[in-house]
C-alpha atoms as a PDB file:
ATOM      1  CA  MET A   1     -46.472  18.437  30.510  1.00  0.00           C
ATOM      2  CA  GLU A   2     -50.017  17.843  29.322  1.00  0.00           C
ATOM      3  CA  LEU A   3     -52.137  20.811  28.267  1.00  0.00           C
ATOM      4  CA  THR A   4     -55.723  20.742  29.507  1.00  0.00           C
ATOM      5  CA  VAL A   5     -58.558  22.773  28.057  1.00  0.00           C
ATOM      6  CA  PRO A   6     -61.154  24.362  30.355  1.00  0.00           C
ATOM      7  CA  HIS A   7     -64.630  22.828  30.138  1.00  0.00           C
ATOM      8  CA  LEU A   8     -67.203  25.260  28.698  1.00  0.00           C
ATOM      9  CA  MET A   9     -70.932  25.186  29.486  1.00  0.00           C
ATOM     10  CA  ASP A  10     -73.556  27.438  27.942  1.00  0.00           C
ATOM     11  CA  ILE A  11     -76.110  29.017  30.286  1.00  0.00           C
ATOM     12  CA  GLU A  12     -78.769  26.770  28.717  1.00  0.00           C
ATOM     13  CA  GLN A  13     -76.796  23.730  29.921  1.00  0.00           C
ATOM     14  CA  LEU A  14     -76.723  25.199  33.423  1.00  0.00           C
ATOM     15  CA  VAL A  15     -80.485  25.740  33.316  1.00  0.00           C
ATOM     16  CA  ALA A  16     -80.964  22.147  32.095  1.00  0.00           C
ATOM     17  CA  ASN A  17     -78.975  20.991  35.149  1.00  0.00           C
ATOM     18  CA  CYS A  18     -81.592  22.501  37.503  1.00  0.00           C
ATOM     19  CA  ASN A  19     -79.815  25.880  37.466  1.00  0.00           C
ATOM     20  CA  ILE A  20     -77.163  24.730  39.940  1.00  0.00           C
ATOM     21  CA  VAL A  21     -73.484  23.975  39.522  1.00  0.00           C
ATOM     22  CA  SER A  22     -71.296  22.725  42.344  1.00  0.00           C
ATOM     23  CA  VAL A  23     -67.703  22.842  41.308  1.00  0.00           C
ATOM     24  CA  HIS A  24     -64.640  21.567  43.115  1.00  0.00           C
ATOM     25  CA  LYS A  25     -62.370  23.608  40.872  1.00  0.00           C
ATOM     26  CA  TYR A  26     -61.810  27.196  39.844  1.00  0.00           C
ATOM     27  CA  GLY A  27     -63.815  28.724  37.033  1.00  0.00           C
ATOM     28  CA  PHE A  28     -65.333  31.757  35.364  1.00  0.00           C
ATOM     29  CA  PHE A  29     -68.879  32.817  34.542  1.00  0.00           C
ATOM     30  CA  LEU A  30     -69.056  35.333  31.668  1.00  0.00           C
ATOM     31  CA  CYS A  31     -72.193  37.122  30.507  1.00  0.00           C
ATOM     32  CA  ARG A  32     -71.770  38.102  26.854  1.00  0.00           C
ATOM     33  CA  ARG A  33     -75.253  39.456  26.089  1.00  0.00           C
ATOM     34  CA  GLY A  34     -78.441  40.265  27.956  1.00  0.00           C
ATOM     35  CA  THR A  35     -78.781  39.977  31.719  1.00  0.00           C
ATOM     36  CA  ALA A  36     -78.860  37.257  34.340  1.00  0.00           C
ATOM     37  CA  SER A  37     -79.137  37.037  38.110  1.00  0.00           C
ATOM     38  CA  ILE A  38     -76.996  34.409  39.789  1.00  0.00           C
ATOM     39  CA  PHE A  39     -76.527  33.224  43.331  1.00  0.00           C
ATOM     40  CA  LEU A  40     -72.798  32.758  43.911  1.00  0.00           C
ATOM     41  CA  GLY A  41     -71.623  31.689  47.334  1.00  0.00           C
ATOM     42  CA  ASP A  42     -73.970  33.612  49.615  1.00  0.00           C
ATOM     43  CA  GLU A  43     -74.521  36.679  47.411  1.00  0.00           C
ATOM     44  CA  VAL A  44     -76.878  37.502  44.538  1.00  0.00           C
ATOM     45  CA  TYR A  45     -75.286  39.187  41.529  1.00  0.00           C
ATOM     46  CA  ARG A  46     -77.014  40.877  38.593  1.00  0.00           C
ATOM     47  CA  LEU A  47     -74.876  40.332  35.517  1.00  0.00           C
ATOM     48  CA  SER A  48     -75.029  42.274  32.296  1.00  0.00           C
ATOM     49  CA  ARG A  49     -73.036  42.340  29.075  1.00  0.00           C
ATOM     50  CA  ASN A  50     -69.333  41.553  29.631  1.00  0.00           C
ATOM     51  CA  SER A  51     -69.734  40.858  33.380  1.00  0.00           C
ATOM     52  CA  LEU A  52     -67.275  38.298  34.673  1.00  0.00           C
ATOM     53  CA  CYS A  53     -67.528  36.292  37.912  1.00  0.00           C
ATOM     54  CA  ILE A  54     -64.676  34.153  39.156  1.00  0.00           C
ATOM     55  CA  TYR A  55     -65.509  31.309  41.508  1.00  0.00           C
ATOM     56  CA  THR A  56     -63.379  29.164  43.764  1.00  0.00           C
ATOM     57  CA  PRO A  57     -63.583  25.470  44.666  1.00  0.00           C
ATOM     58  CA  ASN A  58     -66.693  24.254  46.516  1.00  0.00           C
ATOM     59  CA  THR A  59     -68.759  27.257  45.454  1.00  0.00           C
ATOM     60  CA  PHE A  60     -72.365  26.830  44.365  1.00  0.00           C
ATOM     61  CA  ILE A  61     -73.601  28.780  41.362  1.00  0.00           C
ATOM     62  CA  ARG A  62     -77.337  29.012  40.839  1.00  0.00           C
ATOM     63  CA  ILE A  63     -79.048  30.783  37.944  1.00  0.00           C
ATOM     64  CA  LEU A  64     -81.939  32.690  39.513  1.00  0.00           C
ATOM     65  CA  GLU A  65     -83.227  34.274  36.318  1.00  0.00           C
ATOM     66  CA  LYS A  66     -82.048  35.124  32.840  1.00  0.00           C
ATOM     67  CA  ALA A  67     -83.303  37.316  30.039  1.00  0.00           C
ATOM     68  CA  VAL A  68     -84.432  35.660  26.828  1.00  0.00           C
ATOM     69  CA  THR A  69     -81.562  37.432  25.066  1.00  0.00           C
ATOM     70  CA  CYS A  70     -78.974  36.227  27.596  1.00  0.00           C
ATOM     71  CA  ARG A  71     -75.841  34.526  26.320  1.00  0.00           C
ATOM     72  CA  ALA A  72     -73.534  33.464  29.120  1.00  0.00           C
ATOM     73  CA  TYR A  73     -70.893  30.805  29.576  1.00  0.00           C
ATOM     74  CA  CYS A  74     -69.320  28.973  32.470  1.00  0.00           C
ATOM     75  CA  TRP A  75     -65.744  27.688  32.210  1.00  0.00           C
ATOM     76  CA  VAL A  76     -64.415  25.084  34.621  1.00  0.00           C
ATOM     77  CA  ILE A  77     -60.639  24.933  34.902  1.00  0.00           C
ATOM     78  CA  PRO A  78     -59.444  21.333  35.347  1.00  0.00           C
END
């Protein structure tokens, strides 16, 4: 059995990709510091420190805004 490691993206990478991620896999979005507003599915969520969002296949994630102090990460599970 081969072990696969989830792909990690920093929030700055998401912003560089026009703030949108379309994923055909499961994943997590974790806010470690600061605040961010994201559009996930058809809802807007305001994330703060230690907030965790879990998304399912074919879900769009869009970063609406983020604080300068925001540190957040998106993991895609292969």
